[in-house]
Amino acid sequence: MTKFYRAVYEDEMTDFYRGIYQDAMSDMYDTYYAGVLQSSSGKVAYKTLSDECTEFYRAYSDAQSDLYRSYSDAQSDLYRDYSDVLSAFYNKEYDVDKTLGNK
């Protein structure tokens, strides 16, 4: 069970986090700040640029919060399933599908 938990938690959850946060979120941030803002500097009024930057940051922050919420929910689900399976084995109930609610 420990190997199962580690495989899912350390491998799958890490891949999930890296795939979304390090790839998608990082790319979005870099593209906006290093690309859009940098190329707009001096061509667009400062107030417009500032307002757009604020709006982007708000959207980016919301997306980041959603990511952390999804990640936390997935961790909770995994831990609950892991705990349910351990409890079932302890009680000598070996039908894992039944324990996890699979039909």
N, C-alpha and C. Protein backbone atom coordinates (compact mmCIF):
# COMPACT_ATOMS: atom_id res chain seq x y z
N MET A 1 0.82 -1.20 0.00
CA MET A 1 0.00 0.00 0.00
C MET A 1 0.86 1.26 0.00
N THR A 2 1.96 1.19 0.70
CA THR A 2 2.83 2.36 0.73
C THR A 2 3.39 2.65 -0.66
N LYS A 3 3.75 1.58 -1.37
CA LYS A 3 4.27 1.77 -2.73
C LYS A 3 3.18 2.34 -3.65
N PHE A 4 1.96 1.85 -3.48
CA PHE A 4 0.84 2.37 -4.27
C PHE A 4 0.66 3.86 -3.99
N TYR A 5 0.62 4.21 -2.71
CA TYR A 5 0.41 5.60 -2.31
C TYR A 5 1.52 6.49 -2.86
N ARG A 6 2.76 6.02 -2.70
CA ARG A 6 3.88 6.82 -3.19
C ARG A 6 3.85 6.96 -4.70
N ALA A 7 3.52 5.87 -5.39
CA ALA A 7 3.47 5.93 -6.86
C ALA A 7 2.44 6.94 -7.32
N VAL A 8 1.27 6.90 -6.71
CA VAL A 8 0.22 7.83 -7.12
C VAL A 8 0.54 9.24 -6.63
N TYR A 9 0.86 9.35 -5.35
CA TYR A 9 1.07 10.67 -4.75
C TYR A 9 2.31 11.35 -5.31
N GLU A 10 3.42 10.63 -5.31
CA GLU A 10 4.68 11.25 -5.72
C GLU A 10 4.80 11.37 -7.23
N ASP A 11 4.29 10.40 -7.96
CA ASP A 11 4.43 10.43 -9.41
C ASP A 11 3.28 11.18 -10.09
N GLU A 12 2.07 10.68 -9.91
CA GLU A 12 0.93 11.27 -10.61
C GLU A 12 0.63 12.69 -10.13
N MET A 13 0.63 12.90 -8.83
CA MET A 13 0.31 14.23 -8.32
C MET A 13 1.40 15.23 -8.68
N THR A 14 2.64 14.79 -8.66
CA THR A 14 3.73 15.68 -9.04
C THR A 14 3.63 16.02 -10.52
N ASP A 15 3.32 15.03 -11.35
CA ASP A 15 3.14 15.28 -12.78
C ASP A 15 1.98 16.24 -13.03
N PHE A 16 0.89 16.05 -12.30
CA PHE A 16 -0.27 16.92 -12.41
C PHE A 16 0.11 18.36 -12.09
N TYR A 17 0.80 18.53 -10.98
CA TYR A 17 1.20 19.86 -10.55
C TYR A 17 2.17 20.50 -11.54
N ARG A 18 3.19 19.73 -11.91
CA ARG A 18 4.19 20.26 -12.84
C ARG A 18 3.57 20.58 -14.19
N GLY A 19 2.73 19.69 -14.67
CA GLY A 19 2.12 19.88 -15.98
C GLY A 19 1.31 21.16 -16.06
N ILE A 20 0.57 21.44 -15.02
CA ILE A 20 -0.26 22.64 -15.05
C ILE A 20 0.51 23.85 -14.58
N TYR A 21 1.11 23.76 -13.41
CA TYR A 21 1.74 24.94 -12.84
C TYR A 21 3.02 25.33 -13.54
N GLN A 22 3.94 24.39 -13.66
CA GLN A 22 5.24 24.74 -14.22
C GLN A 22 5.18 24.95 -15.73
N ASP A 23 4.30 24.25 -16.40
CA ASP A 23 4.23 24.40 -17.85
C ASP A 23 3.22 25.48 -18.25
N ALA A 24 1.96 25.21 -18.03
CA ALA A 24 0.91 26.12 -18.51
C ALA A 24 0.95 27.48 -17.81
N MET A 25 0.94 27.48 -16.49
CA MET A 25 0.90 28.74 -15.76
C MET A 25 2.18 29.55 -15.98
N SER A 26 3.30 28.88 -15.97
CA SER A 26 4.58 29.56 -16.17
C SER A 26 4.67 30.14 -17.58
N ASP A 27 4.23 29.37 -18.56
CA ASP A 27 4.24 29.85 -19.94
C ASP A 27 3.34 31.07 -20.10
N MET A 28 2.16 31.02 -19.48
CA MET A 28 1.24 32.14 -19.57
C MET A 28 1.86 33.39 -18.94
N TYR A 29 2.45 33.23 -17.79
CA TYR A 29 3.09 34.34 -17.09
C TYR A 29 4.23 34.92 -17.92
N ASP A 30 5.11 34.04 -18.39
CA ASP A 30 6.26 34.49 -19.19
C ASP A 30 5.83 35.18 -20.47
N THR A 31 4.85 34.61 -21.14
CA THR A 31 4.36 35.19 -22.40
C THR A 31 3.81 36.59 -22.16
N TYR A 32 3.04 36.73 -21.10
CA TYR A 32 2.44 38.03 -20.84
C TYR A 32 3.48 39.06 -20.42
N TYR A 33 4.25 38.73 -19.39
CA TYR A 33 5.19 39.71 -18.87
C TYR A 33 6.39 39.95 -19.77
N ALA A 34 6.96 38.89 -20.33
CA ALA A 34 8.15 39.06 -21.17
C ALA A 34 7.78 39.38 -22.61
N GLY A 35 6.57 39.04 -23.01
CA GLY A 35 6.17 39.28 -24.39
C GLY A 35 5.27 40.48 -24.56
N VAL A 36 4.05 40.35 -24.11
CA VAL A 36 3.03 41.37 -24.33
C VAL A 36 3.39 42.70 -23.67
N LEU A 37 3.69 42.67 -22.39
CA LEU A 37 4.00 43.93 -21.70
C LEU A 37 5.26 44.59 -22.24
N GLN A 38 6.27 43.79 -22.46
CA GLN A 38 7.54 44.34 -22.94
C GLN A 38 7.38 44.98 -24.32
N SER A 39 6.64 44.33 -25.20
CA SER A 39 6.48 44.88 -26.55
C SER A 39 5.51 46.07 -26.56
N SER A 40 4.66 46.19 -25.55
CA SER A 40 3.71 47.30 -25.48
C SER A 40 4.29 48.54 -24.83
N SER A 41 5.35 48.36 -24.09
CA SER A 41 5.95 49.47 -23.36
C SER A 41 6.36 50.58 -24.32
N GLY A 42 5.89 51.78 -24.03
CA GLY A 42 6.20 52.94 -24.85
C GLY A 42 5.25 53.12 -26.02
N LYS A 43 4.44 52.12 -26.33
CA LYS A 43 3.49 52.20 -27.45
C LYS A 43 2.07 52.41 -26.98
N VAL A 44 1.83 52.12 -25.71
CA VAL A 44 0.50 52.22 -25.14
C VAL A 44 0.59 53.12 -23.92
N ALA A 45 -0.46 53.87 -23.67
CA ALA A 45 -0.48 54.76 -22.50
C ALA A 45 -0.23 53.96 -21.22
N TYR A 46 0.51 54.56 -20.31
CA TYR A 46 0.87 53.87 -19.07
C TYR A 46 -0.37 53.39 -18.31
N LYS A 47 -1.41 54.22 -18.23
CA LYS A 47 -2.62 53.84 -17.51
C LYS A 47 -3.26 52.61 -18.13
N THR A 48 -3.32 52.57 -19.45
CA THR A 48 -3.88 51.41 -20.14
C THR A 48 -3.06 50.17 -19.84
N LEU A 49 -1.75 50.32 -19.92
CA LEU A 49 -0.85 49.20 -19.65
C LEU A 49 -0.99 48.74 -18.20
N SER A 50 -1.09 49.68 -17.28
CA SER A 50 -1.23 49.36 -15.87
C SER A 50 -2.56 48.64 -15.60
N ASP A 51 -3.63 49.13 -16.21
CA ASP A 51 -4.95 48.49 -16.04
C ASP A 51 -4.94 47.07 -16.58
N GLU A 52 -4.34 46.89 -17.75
CA GLU A 52 -4.26 45.55 -18.35
C GLU A 52 -3.41 44.62 -17.49
N CYS A 53 -2.34 45.15 -16.95
CA CYS A 53 -1.46 44.36 -16.09
C CYS A 53 -2.22 43.92 -14.83
N THR A 54 -2.98 44.83 -14.25
CA THR A 54 -3.78 44.51 -13.07
C THR A 54 -4.80 43.43 -13.39
N GLU A 55 -5.46 43.57 -14.52
CA GLU A 55 -6.47 42.59 -14.94
C GLU A 55 -5.84 41.22 -15.17
N PHE A 56 -4.67 41.21 -15.82
CA PHE A 56 -3.98 39.94 -16.05
C PHE A 56 -3.60 39.30 -14.72
N TYR A 57 -3.04 40.09 -13.83
CA TYR A 57 -2.61 39.55 -12.54
C TYR A 57 -3.79 38.97 -11.78
N ARG A 58 -4.93 39.64 -11.84
CA ARG A 58 -6.13 39.13 -11.17
C ARG A 58 -6.54 37.79 -11.76
N ALA A 59 -6.57 37.70 -13.09
CA ALA A 59 -6.93 36.44 -13.76
C ALA A 59 -5.92 35.34 -13.45
N TYR A 60 -4.64 35.71 -13.47
CA TYR A 60 -3.58 34.74 -13.18
C TYR A 60 -3.70 34.24 -11.74
N SER A 61 -3.97 35.13 -10.82
CA SER A 61 -4.12 34.77 -9.42
C SER A 61 -5.33 33.84 -9.22
N ASP A 62 -6.43 34.14 -9.91
CA ASP A 62 -7.62 33.28 -9.83
C ASP A 62 -7.31 31.89 -10.37
N ALA A 63 -6.60 31.84 -11.49
CA ALA A 63 -6.24 30.55 -12.08
C ALA A 63 -5.34 29.77 -11.14
N GLN A 64 -4.42 30.46 -10.50
CA GLN A 64 -3.52 29.81 -9.56
C GLN A 64 -4.30 29.26 -8.36
N SER A 65 -5.25 30.02 -7.87
CA SER A 65 -6.09 29.55 -6.76
C SER A 65 -6.89 28.31 -7.17
N ASP A 66 -7.44 28.33 -8.38
CA ASP A 66 -8.18 27.17 -8.88
C ASP A 66 -7.28 25.95 -8.97
N LEU A 67 -6.05 26.16 -9.43
CA LEU A 67 -5.10 25.06 -9.53
C LEU A 67 -4.82 24.46 -8.15
N TYR A 68 -4.51 25.30 -7.19
CA TYR A 68 -4.23 24.80 -5.84
C TYR A 68 -5.44 24.08 -5.25
N ARG A 69 -6.63 24.61 -5.51
CA ARG A 69 -7.85 23.96 -5.01
C ARG A 69 -8.01 22.57 -5.63
N SER A 70 -7.81 22.48 -6.95
CA SER A 70 -7.91 21.19 -7.64
C SER A 70 -6.87 20.21 -7.12
N TYR A 71 -5.66 20.71 -6.94
CA TYR A 71 -4.56 19.88 -6.45
C TYR A 71 -4.87 19.38 -5.04
N SER A 72 -5.36 20.26 -4.20
CA SER A 72 -5.70 19.89 -2.82
C SER A 72 -6.85 18.89 -2.80
N ASP A 73 -7.86 19.10 -3.63
CA ASP A 73 -8.99 18.16 -3.70
C ASP A 73 -8.52 16.78 -4.15
N ALA A 74 -7.64 16.75 -5.15
CA ALA A 74 -7.12 15.47 -5.64
C ALA A 74 -6.31 14.77 -4.55
N GLN A 75 -5.52 15.52 -3.80
CA GLN A 75 -4.76 14.93 -2.69
C GLN A 75 -5.70 14.37 -1.63
N SER A 76 -6.75 15.10 -1.31
CA SER A 76 -7.72 14.64 -0.31
C SER A 76 -8.40 13.36 -0.77
N ASP A 77 -8.81 13.32 -2.03
CA ASP A 77 -9.45 12.12 -2.58
C ASP A 77 -8.51 10.93 -2.51
N LEU A 78 -7.28 11.14 -2.89
CA LEU A 78 -6.29 10.07 -2.85
C LEU A 78 -6.08 9.57 -1.43
N TYR A 79 -5.93 10.47 -0.50
CA TYR A 79 -5.71 10.07 0.88
C TYR A 79 -6.92 9.33 1.44
N ARG A 80 -8.12 9.79 1.11
CA ARG A 80 -9.33 9.12 1.59
C ARG A 80 -9.41 7.69 1.04
N ASP A 81 -9.13 7.53 -0.26
CA ASP A 81 -9.15 6.19 -0.85
C ASP A 81 -8.09 5.30 -0.22
N TYR A 82 -6.91 5.84 -0.03
CA TYR A 82 -5.81 5.10 0.59
C TYR A 82 -6.21 4.65 2.00
N SER A 83 -6.79 5.55 2.75
CA SER A 83 -7.22 5.24 4.11
C SER A 83 -8.33 4.19 4.11
N ASP A 84 -9.28 4.30 3.18
CA ASP A 84 -10.37 3.33 3.08
C ASP A 84 -9.84 1.93 2.78
N VAL A 85 -8.88 1.85 1.86
CA VAL A 85 -8.31 0.55 1.49
C VAL A 85 -7.54 -0.04 2.67
N LEU A 86 -6.75 0.78 3.35
CA LEU A 86 -6.02 0.28 4.52
C LEU A 86 -6.98 -0.22 5.60
N SER A 87 -8.05 0.50 5.83
CA SER A 87 -9.04 0.09 6.83
C SER A 87 -9.70 -1.22 6.42
N ALA A 88 -10.03 -1.34 5.14
CA ALA A 88 -10.66 -2.57 4.65
C ALA A 88 -9.72 -3.76 4.83
N PHE A 89 -8.46 -3.60 4.48
CA PHE A 89 -7.49 -4.69 4.66
C PHE A 89 -7.34 -5.04 6.14
N TYR A 90 -7.32 -4.05 6.98
CA TYR A 90 -7.21 -4.28 8.41
C TYR A 90 -8.40 -5.10 8.91
N ASN A 91 -9.58 -4.82 8.35
CA ASN A 91 -10.80 -5.54 8.72
C ASN A 91 -11.00 -6.82 7.91
N LYS A 92 -9.98 -7.19 7.14
CA LYS A 92 -9.98 -8.39 6.31
C LYS A 92 -11.09 -8.38 5.26
N GLU A 93 -11.36 -7.23 4.73
CA GLU A 93 -12.30 -7.08 3.62
C GLU A 93 -11.44 -6.81 2.39
N TYR A 94 -11.31 -7.81 1.54
CA TYR A 94 -10.34 -7.72 0.45
C TYR A 94 -10.95 -7.32 -0.89
N ASP A 95 -12.21 -6.93 -0.91
CA ASP A 95 -12.83 -6.50 -2.16
C ASP A 95 -12.57 -5.00 -2.33
N VAL A 96 -11.45 -4.68 -2.98
CA VAL A 96 -11.03 -3.29 -3.14
C VAL A 96 -12.05 -2.49 -3.96
N ASP A 97 -12.62 -3.12 -4.99
CA ASP A 97 -13.63 -2.42 -5.80
C ASP A 97 -14.80 -1.97 -4.94
N LYS A 98 -15.26 -2.86 -4.05
CA LYS A 98 -16.37 -2.51 -3.16
C LYS A 98 -15.95 -1.38 -2.21
N THR A 99 -14.74 -1.49 -1.69
CA THR A 99 -14.23 -0.48 -0.76
C THR A 99 -14.17 0.90 -1.39
N LEU A 100 -13.75 0.95 -2.65
CA LEU A 100 -13.61 2.23 -3.35
C LEU A 100 -14.89 2.67 -4.05
N GLY A 101 -15.93 1.85 -3.96
CA GLY A 101 -17.20 2.22 -4.56
C GLY A 101 -17.30 1.91 -6.04
N ASN A 102 -16.42 1.07 -6.57
CA ASN A 102 -16.47 0.68 -7.98
C ASN A 102 -17.50 -0.42 -8.17
N LYS A 103 -18.14 -0.42 -9.33
CA LYS A 103 -19.14 -1.46 -9.61
C LYS A 103 -18.62 -2.42 -10.64
